[in-house]
Amino acid sequence: MITQAGETPSPPGEYDSRGDTRKIIGILAALAIFIIILYGYIIPLQGGFVSSTAIRSEDLLGADPRFEEQIPIQEVDLGASGRSIFIAFVMPTHILFANLHLGGGWVLFSLIILYIVSRKKQYSRLGKSVALFNVILFSAGATFAANGVLFFIALYPTFTTQAFHIYWWPLLFEAILFGIEIFFVYTLWYTWEKIGTAWHIFLAVGYPVSVYLQTLAIDTLVSGMLTPGAETITRGASGLLGMPWTEYLQWWFNPTLWPLQFHRVAAAVSYFGFLIALLAMLHFRDRTDLPSKRYWDWAGSFGILWGLIGIVAQPLLGLWYMYSIFTSQNQAFSNIMTGPRAWEMLMMVGLLSLLIITVSVYFIERWEHLLLRLGRHDIRNLFRAFAIVAAVAGFI
């Protein structure tokens, strides 16, 4: 039999994937239109192609000469933004690995606890894979982190000196936690099937907690560069304390530290969850036997669930973060939200909306097929209405 559209219907009992293909094409088309409008109209309109160095050129002219290129290694011959290019490549790459590392720790913790409680082999199997993945991520991320520190020392020695003066103790704590993480993640991987429940719980708790604390230590510096805790840097006597403890705490626990920390955790969990879903999809397509396909289908759903949890939390935490920037560093807020960098925020919100729509469609489609088999057309129609509302909300 041929349908009116000229297509041959799927045999009874066989899943028809043509509807899914149309939805995927529709989502990708929406993404393409969004990017074209963003880069073709919005960014030029907002002056987004002008570099930050050019925007702040007048301020840079009056900057302290100590921050200019004064030694041969700083002369990279790449223009006014030359030194920044190295940092812009190395550190964001490190952050990609570090955020996966942060999210992977909590996903791994959940898998170990779920296995201990339920004793289902699928949790142990996926947990072991995630543990190995975290080992790989840790090794790659550490390489870029070390290079980033060397670039900062060589290309921005004055900035690095001041950063170490203020953040020496958090950075020392971060370095110590680096070694502690090595113990937890490598021990967990290499002794996966050789240790008892108590040791599994100890390693499963210690690993994500150490990653969380390491992220908190480095976030004192990251958030402090955006919203400094004080207007001046006190130069004290030599020794363990370069300035009074009260001033240290003002710099470390600045207005945006906690919003940034929790937002990073939510984003990292979501990021890692969606990556699991992607890898599971590739494994699903590669397998031919039904048990393997079922396992990787479940693994993909598990990853998407974590991705959805992180996505739901991000807008709320993001509002908290932006409000903290608004109240403590209004100039930076204006630059991000209404100035030449507003397009970056718009792109982030657009991509986040696309993720929300995609995940909503995925779960609704799965439930639709289940409810259709059970004959629950009323709930199925309710899910369809929810999908339309999600699409409209995402577009807005």
Protein backbone atom coordinates (compact mmCIF):
# COMPACT_ATOMS: atom_id res chain seq x y z
CA MET A 1 0.00 0.00 0.00
CA ILE A 2 1.20 3.52 -0.86
CA THR A 3 0.23 6.56 1.21
CA GLN A 4 -0.96 9.85 -0.26
CA ALA A 5 2.54 11.25 0.15
CA GLY A 6 3.88 8.40 -1.95
CA GLU A 7 5.55 6.66 1.00
CA THR A 8 5.32 3.00 1.89
CA PRO A 9 4.04 2.57 5.46
CA SER A 10 6.05 0.54 7.94
CA PRO A 11 4.92 -3.04 8.61
CA PRO A 12 2.64 -3.52 11.65
CA GLY A 13 4.59 -3.65 14.91
CA GLU A 14 7.66 -2.01 13.39
CA TYR A 15 8.66 1.45 14.55
CA ASP A 16 8.46 4.13 11.87
CA SER A 17 11.44 6.47 12.25
CA ARG A 18 10.45 8.83 9.44
CA GLY A 19 8.58 11.09 11.86
CA ASP A 20 11.66 11.34 14.05
CA THR A 21 13.77 12.25 11.04
CA ARG A 22 11.43 15.08 10.15
CA LYS A 23 11.58 16.42 13.70
CA ILE A 24 15.38 16.27 13.73
CA ILE A 25 15.55 18.08 10.39
CA GLY A 26 13.16 20.71 11.73
CA ILE A 27 15.27 21.30 14.84
CA LEU A 28 18.49 21.53 12.81
CA ALA A 29 16.81 23.93 10.37
CA ALA A 30 15.73 26.14 13.27
CA LEU A 31 19.31 26.11 14.58
CA ALA A 32 20.67 27.07 11.16
CA ILE A 33 18.21 29.95 10.81
CA PHE A 34 19.08 31.17 14.30
CA ILE A 35 22.83 31.15 13.58
CA ILE A 36 22.38 32.89 10.21
CA ILE A 37 20.31 35.68 11.77
CA LEU A 38 22.72 35.97 14.69
CA TYR A 39 25.91 36.21 12.63
CA GLY A 40 24.43 37.97 9.63
CA TYR A 41 22.41 40.65 11.38
CA ILE A 42 22.61 40.83 15.18
CA ILE A 43 26.39 40.62 15.72
CA PRO A 44 27.27 43.33 13.16
CA LEU A 45 24.45 45.49 14.54
CA GLN A 46 25.87 45.26 18.07
CA GLY A 47 29.50 45.67 17.02
CA GLY A 48 30.25 42.15 18.13
CA PHE A 49 33.12 41.66 15.67
CA VAL A 50 35.14 44.42 17.35
CA SER A 51 37.72 42.94 19.72
CA SER A 52 37.69 43.72 23.42
CA THR A 53 41.19 45.16 23.04
CA ALA A 54 39.88 47.70 20.53
CA ILE A 55 36.83 48.49 22.66
CA ARG A 56 38.96 49.25 25.72
CA SER A 57 41.80 50.88 23.77
CA GLU A 58 41.46 54.22 25.56
CA ASP A 59 41.60 52.57 28.97
CA LEU A 60 44.59 50.50 27.91
CA LEU A 61 46.49 53.63 26.88
CA GLY A 62 46.42 54.79 30.47
CA ALA A 63 47.30 51.40 31.94
CA ASP A 64 50.34 50.80 34.09
CA PRO A 65 53.41 50.21 31.86
CA ARG A 66 54.20 47.12 33.92
CA PHE A 67 51.37 45.31 32.14
CA GLU A 68 52.80 45.95 28.67
CA GLU A 69 55.15 43.67 26.75
CA GLN A 70 58.59 44.25 28.23
CA ILE A 71 60.47 40.98 27.81
CA PRO A 72 61.24 39.07 24.59
CA ILE A 73 59.04 36.07 25.37
CA GLN A 74 55.99 38.34 25.52
CA GLU A 75 56.48 39.54 21.94
CA VAL A 76 54.46 36.99 20.00
CA ASP A 77 54.05 39.17 16.87
CA LEU A 78 50.31 38.59 16.59
CA GLY A 79 49.09 42.14 17.03
CA ALA A 80 47.59 43.87 20.04
CA SER A 81 45.68 40.74 21.04
CA GLY A 82 48.60 38.40 20.42
CA ARG A 83 49.19 37.27 23.97
CA SER A 84 45.47 36.85 24.57
CA ILE A 85 45.20 34.43 21.65
CA PHE A 86 47.33 31.86 23.47
CA ILE A 87 45.23 32.12 26.62
CA ALA A 88 42.01 32.08 24.60
CA PHE A 89 43.00 28.77 23.04
CA VAL A 90 44.50 26.92 25.99
CA MET A 91 42.24 27.91 28.88
CA PRO A 92 38.80 27.43 27.24
CA THR A 93 40.02 24.03 26.03
CA HIS A 94 41.04 23.19 29.58
CA ILE A 95 37.67 24.40 30.85
CA LEU A 96 35.87 22.04 28.47
CA PHE A 97 37.73 19.08 29.97
CA ALA A 98 37.48 20.44 33.52
CA ASN A 99 33.71 20.87 33.30
CA LEU A 100 33.29 17.36 31.94
CA HIS A 101 35.48 16.17 34.79
CA LEU A 102 33.29 18.04 37.29
CA GLY A 103 30.03 16.70 35.89
CA GLY A 104 31.42 13.21 35.39
CA GLY A 105 32.28 12.90 39.06
CA TRP A 106 28.67 13.36 40.17
CA VAL A 107 27.27 11.11 37.43
CA LEU A 108 29.76 8.42 38.45
CA PHE A 109 28.74 8.84 42.08
CA SER A 110 25.07 8.32 41.16
CA LEU A 111 25.86 5.17 39.18
CA ILE A 112 27.81 3.62 42.05
CA ILE A 113 25.08 4.39 44.58
CA LEU A 114 22.37 3.10 42.24
CA TYR A 115 24.29 -0.13 41.71
CA ILE A 116 24.84 -0.64 45.44
CA VAL A 117 21.14 -0.09 46.13
CA SER A 118 19.65 -2.03 43.20
CA ARG A 119 22.46 -4.47 42.27
CA LYS A 120 21.57 -4.04 38.61
CA LYS A 121 24.52 -4.84 36.37
CA GLN A 122 23.76 -2.05 33.93
CA TYR A 123 24.70 0.55 36.55
CA SER A 124 28.01 -1.14 37.26
CA ARG A 125 28.78 -1.55 33.57
CA LEU A 126 28.08 2.08 32.75
CA GLY A 127 29.82 3.21 35.94
CA LYS A 128 33.03 1.45 34.97
CA SER A 129 32.91 3.07 31.53
CA VAL A 130 32.33 6.49 33.09
CA ALA A 131 35.24 5.92 35.50
CA LEU A 132 37.58 5.21 32.58
CA PHE A 133 36.22 8.22 30.74
CA ASN A 134 36.96 10.41 33.75
CA VAL A 135 40.53 9.11 33.86
CA ILE A 136 40.98 10.13 30.23
CA LEU A 137 39.35 13.52 30.79
CA PHE A 138 41.50 14.19 33.83
CA SER A 139 44.71 13.43 31.96
CA ALA A 140 43.81 15.59 28.96
CA GLY A 141 42.49 18.47 31.06
CA ALA A 142 45.57 18.49 33.28
CA THR A 143 47.80 18.86 30.22
CA PHE A 144 46.01 22.00 29.08
CA ALA A 145 45.90 23.35 32.64
CA ALA A 146 49.67 23.06 33.01
CA ASN A 147 50.21 24.79 29.67
CA GLY A 148 47.80 27.54 30.67
CA VAL A 149 49.71 28.26 33.87
CA LEU A 150 52.98 28.42 31.95
CA PHE A 151 51.45 30.81 29.40
CA PHE A 152 50.17 33.08 32.15
CA ILE A 153 53.56 33.18 33.86
CA ALA A 154 55.46 33.82 30.63
CA LEU A 155 53.08 36.19 28.85
CA TYR A 156 51.50 38.02 31.80
CA PRO A 157 54.11 37.99 34.59
CA THR A 158 52.79 41.07 36.40
CA PHE A 159 49.23 39.80 36.41
CA THR A 160 50.38 36.37 37.55
CA THR A 161 52.40 37.89 40.39
CA GLN A 162 49.39 39.80 41.65
CA ALA A 163 47.12 36.78 41.24
CA PHE A 164 49.47 34.64 43.32
CA HIS A 165 49.71 37.41 45.91
CA ILE A 166 45.94 37.40 46.42
CA TYR A 167 45.01 33.80 45.64
CA TRP A 168 48.08 31.89 46.80
CA TRP A 169 46.21 29.84 49.39
CA PRO A 170 43.26 28.85 47.17
CA LEU A 171 45.68 27.95 44.37
CA LEU A 172 47.82 25.90 46.76
CA PHE A 173 44.67 24.14 47.98
CA GLU A 174 43.71 23.52 44.35
CA ALA A 175 47.12 21.99 43.61
CA ILE A 176 46.86 19.67 46.63
CA LEU A 177 43.40 18.59 45.52
CA PHE A 178 44.88 17.82 42.12
CA GLY A 179 46.90 15.04 43.71
CA ILE A 180 43.95 13.87 45.80
CA GLU A 181 41.82 13.56 42.67
CA ILE A 182 44.49 11.40 41.07
CA PHE A 183 44.26 9.03 44.01
CA PHE A 184 40.47 8.84 43.92
CA VAL A 185 39.81 8.51 40.19
CA TYR A 186 42.70 6.18 39.33
CA THR A 187 42.11 3.98 42.36
CA LEU A 188 38.41 3.79 41.56
CA TRP A 189 39.09 2.71 38.00
CA TYR A 190 41.86 0.20 38.63
CA THR A 191 40.15 -1.46 41.61
CA TRP A 192 36.60 -1.37 40.27
CA GLU A 193 35.86 -5.08 40.72
CA LYS A 194 38.44 -5.74 43.44
CA ILE A 195 37.15 -3.73 46.41
CA GLY A 196 34.15 -3.97 48.68
CA THR A 197 31.10 -1.78 49.06
CA ALA A 198 32.57 0.44 51.78
CA TRP A 199 35.61 1.33 49.66
CA HIS A 200 33.43 1.94 46.63
CA ILE A 201 31.32 4.40 48.61
CA PHE A 202 34.42 6.09 50.03
CA LEU A 203 35.95 6.58 46.59
CA ALA A 204 32.62 7.48 45.00
CA VAL A 205 32.05 10.25 47.55
CA GLY A 206 35.63 11.46 47.76
CA TYR A 207 36.12 11.86 44.04
CA PRO A 208 33.27 14.30 43.19
CA VAL A 209 33.73 16.19 46.47
CA SER A 210 37.43 16.76 45.74
CA VAL A 211 36.60 17.91 42.20
CA TYR A 212 33.93 20.24 43.58
CA LEU A 213 36.34 21.76 46.10
CA GLN A 214 39.03 22.14 43.45
CA THR A 215 36.54 23.95 41.23
CA LEU A 216 35.61 26.18 44.16
CA ALA A 217 39.27 27.03 44.76
CA ILE A 218 39.89 28.08 41.17
CA ASP A 219 36.54 29.90 41.02
CA THR A 220 37.76 32.27 43.72
CA LEU A 221 40.23 33.57 41.13
CA VAL A 222 37.88 33.37 38.15
CA SER A 223 35.03 35.21 39.87
CA GLY A 224 37.44 37.66 41.48
CA MET A 225 38.63 38.85 38.08
CA LEU A 226 35.05 39.81 37.17
CA THR A 227 33.85 41.11 40.54
CA PRO A 228 36.88 41.92 42.73
CA GLY A 229 36.28 41.79 46.45
CA ALA A 230 38.20 45.03 47.04
CA GLU A 231 39.34 48.08 45.09
CA THR A 232 43.00 47.99 46.11
CA ILE A 233 45.60 45.31 46.75
CA THR A 234 47.33 45.50 50.11
CA ARG A 235 51.05 44.78 50.11
CA GLY A 236 52.01 43.37 53.49
CA ALA A 237 55.20 41.98 54.89
CA SER A 238 56.83 38.85 53.53
CA GLY A 239 55.72 35.55 54.98
CA LEU A 240 52.73 33.26 54.88
CA LEU A 241 50.25 36.14 54.94
CA GLY A 242 50.76 38.86 52.35
CA MET A 243 47.71 40.77 53.57
CA PRO A 244 45.26 40.57 56.51
CA TRP A 245 42.92 37.58 56.60
CA THR A 246 39.85 39.81 56.37
CA GLU A 247 41.04 41.19 53.04
CA TYR A 248 41.89 37.73 51.79
CA LEU A 249 38.34 36.60 52.50
CA GLN A 250 36.91 39.64 50.71
CA TRP A 251 38.86 38.76 47.58
CA TRP A 252 38.18 35.04 47.75
CA PHE A 253 34.50 35.12 48.67
CA ASN A 254 33.56 37.89 46.28
CA PRO A 255 29.94 38.59 45.21
CA THR A 256 29.84 36.14 42.28
CA LEU A 257 31.76 33.17 43.73
CA TRP A 258 28.79 31.03 44.78
CA PRO A 259 26.54 31.81 41.80
CA LEU A 260 29.40 30.91 39.46
CA GLN A 261 30.22 27.75 41.40
CA PHE A 262 26.71 26.33 41.39
CA HIS A 263 26.08 27.37 37.81
CA ARG A 264 29.24 25.57 36.73
CA VAL A 265 28.16 22.41 38.53
CA ALA A 266 24.74 22.42 36.85
CA ALA A 267 26.26 23.12 33.44
CA ALA A 268 28.92 20.44 33.93
CA VAL A 269 26.37 17.79 34.89
CA SER A 270 24.23 18.67 31.89
CA TYR A 271 27.25 18.71 29.58
CA PHE A 272 28.44 15.30 30.73
CA GLY A 273 24.96 13.81 30.56
CA PHE A 274 24.45 14.85 26.95
CA LEU A 275 27.89 13.56 26.04
CA ILE A 276 26.92 10.16 27.48
CA ALA A 277 23.79 10.29 25.34
CA LEU A 278 25.84 11.06 22.23
CA LEU A 279 28.31 8.22 22.83
CA ALA A 280 25.47 5.83 23.67
CA MET A 281 23.75 6.70 20.41
CA LEU A 282 26.92 5.90 18.46
CA HIS A 283 27.26 2.57 20.27
CA PHE A 284 23.57 1.83 19.69
CA ARG A 285 23.94 2.28 15.95
CA ASP A 286 27.09 0.17 15.93
CA ARG A 287 25.56 -2.84 17.70
CA THR A 288 23.59 -5.57 15.98
CA ASP A 289 22.43 -7.79 18.87
CA LEU A 290 19.26 -6.83 20.73
CA PRO A 291 20.67 -6.95 24.33
CA SER A 292 23.44 -4.50 23.43
CA LYS A 293 21.00 -2.20 21.68
CA ARG A 294 18.73 -2.23 24.71
CA TYR A 295 21.65 -1.44 27.03
CA TRP A 296 22.89 1.50 24.99
CA ASP A 297 19.34 2.76 24.54
CA TRP A 298 19.03 2.78 28.32
CA ALA A 299 22.45 4.44 28.70
CA GLY A 300 21.39 7.18 26.30
CA SER A 301 18.20 7.82 28.25
CA PHE A 302 20.20 7.90 31.49
CA GLY A 303 22.55 10.50 30.02
CA ILE A 304 19.71 12.63 28.67
CA LEU A 305 18.07 12.55 32.10
CA TRP A 306 21.21 14.04 33.67
CA GLY A 307 21.39 16.56 30.84
CA LEU A 308 17.82 17.59 31.52
CA ILE A 309 18.45 17.99 35.26
CA GLY A 310 21.33 20.35 34.56
CA ILE A 311 19.37 22.30 31.95
CA VAL A 312 16.44 22.89 34.29
CA ALA A 313 18.75 24.27 36.97
CA GLN A 314 20.84 26.50 34.71
CA PRO A 315 18.34 29.31 33.96
CA LEU A 316 17.58 29.85 37.65
CA LEU A 317 21.23 29.78 38.64
CA GLY A 318 22.05 31.97 35.65
CA LEU A 319 19.60 34.63 36.82
CA TRP A 320 21.23 34.56 40.24
CA TYR A 321 24.66 34.90 38.64
CA MET A 322 23.66 37.78 36.37
CA TYR A 323 21.94 39.62 39.22
CA SER A 324 25.13 39.31 41.28
CA ILE A 325 27.12 40.82 38.41
CA PHE A 326 24.52 43.58 38.00
CA THR A 327 24.68 44.60 41.65
CA SER A 328 28.45 44.40 42.05
CA GLN A 329 29.92 45.23 38.61
CA ASN A 330 27.37 47.16 36.61
CA GLN A 331 29.77 48.07 33.79
CA ALA A 332 30.51 44.42 33.10
CA PHE A 333 26.80 43.63 33.24
CA SER A 334 26.03 46.33 30.68
CA ASN A 335 28.76 45.05 28.39
CA ILE A 336 27.41 41.50 28.61
CA MET A 337 23.69 42.24 28.36
CA THR A 338 23.34 45.42 26.29
CA GLY A 339 26.80 46.13 24.89
CA PRO A 340 28.99 44.62 22.16
CA ARG A 341 29.07 41.24 23.92
CA ALA A 342 25.30 40.89 24.26
CA TRP A 343 25.21 38.61 21.21
CA GLU A 344 27.15 35.99 23.15
CA MET A 345 24.46 35.92 25.81
CA LEU A 346 21.80 35.74 23.09
CA MET A 347 23.59 32.83 21.44
CA MET A 348 23.87 31.01 24.77
CA VAL A 349 20.18 31.48 25.53
CA GLY A 350 19.27 30.37 22.01
CA LEU A 351 21.33 27.19 22.26
CA LEU A 352 19.93 26.48 25.72
CA SER A 353 16.40 26.87 24.37
CA LEU A 354 17.23 24.51 21.53
CA LEU A 355 18.46 21.91 24.01
CA ILE A 356 15.30 22.25 26.10
CA ILE A 357 13.10 21.80 23.02
CA THR A 358 15.12 18.83 21.77
CA VAL A 359 15.06 17.02 25.11
CA SER A 360 11.36 17.74 25.56
CA VAL A 361 10.58 16.33 22.12
CA TYR A 362 12.70 13.25 22.85
CA PHE A 363 10.94 12.36 26.09
CA ILE A 364 7.50 13.20 24.73
CA GLU A 365 8.09 10.99 21.69
CA ARG A 366 9.11 8.06 23.88
CA TRP A 367 6.09 8.48 26.10
CA GLU A 368 3.81 8.95 23.12
CA HIS A 369 4.72 5.53 21.73
CA LEU A 370 4.23 3.93 25.13
CA LEU A 371 0.88 5.61 25.74
CA LEU A 372 -0.28 4.78 22.23
CA ARG A 373 0.33 1.10 22.91
CA LEU A 374 -1.63 1.39 26.16
CA GLY A 375 -4.47 3.21 24.43
CA ARG A 376 -4.13 6.36 26.58
CA HIS A 377 -4.87 8.92 23.88
CA ASP A 378 -5.89 11.58 26.42
CA ILE A 379 -2.48 11.65 28.13
CA ARG A 380 -0.80 11.40 24.73
CA ASN A 381 -2.58 14.54 23.56
CA LEU A 382 -1.58 16.26 26.80
CA PHE A 383 2.07 15.45 26.06
CA ARG A 384 1.69 16.88 22.57
CA ALA A 385 0.29 20.10 24.01
CA PHE A 386 3.24 20.27 26.38
CA ALA A 387 5.61 19.92 23.41
CA ILE A 388 3.97 22.88 21.67
CA VAL A 389 4.21 24.99 24.83
CA ALA A 390 7.89 24.04 25.22
CA ALA A 391 8.59 25.03 21.61
CA VAL A 392 6.88 28.41 22.02
CA ALA A 393 8.69 29.07 25.31
CA GLY A 394 12.00 28.13 23.74
CA PHE A 395 11.39 30.45 20.79
CA ILE A 396 10.52 33.34 23.11
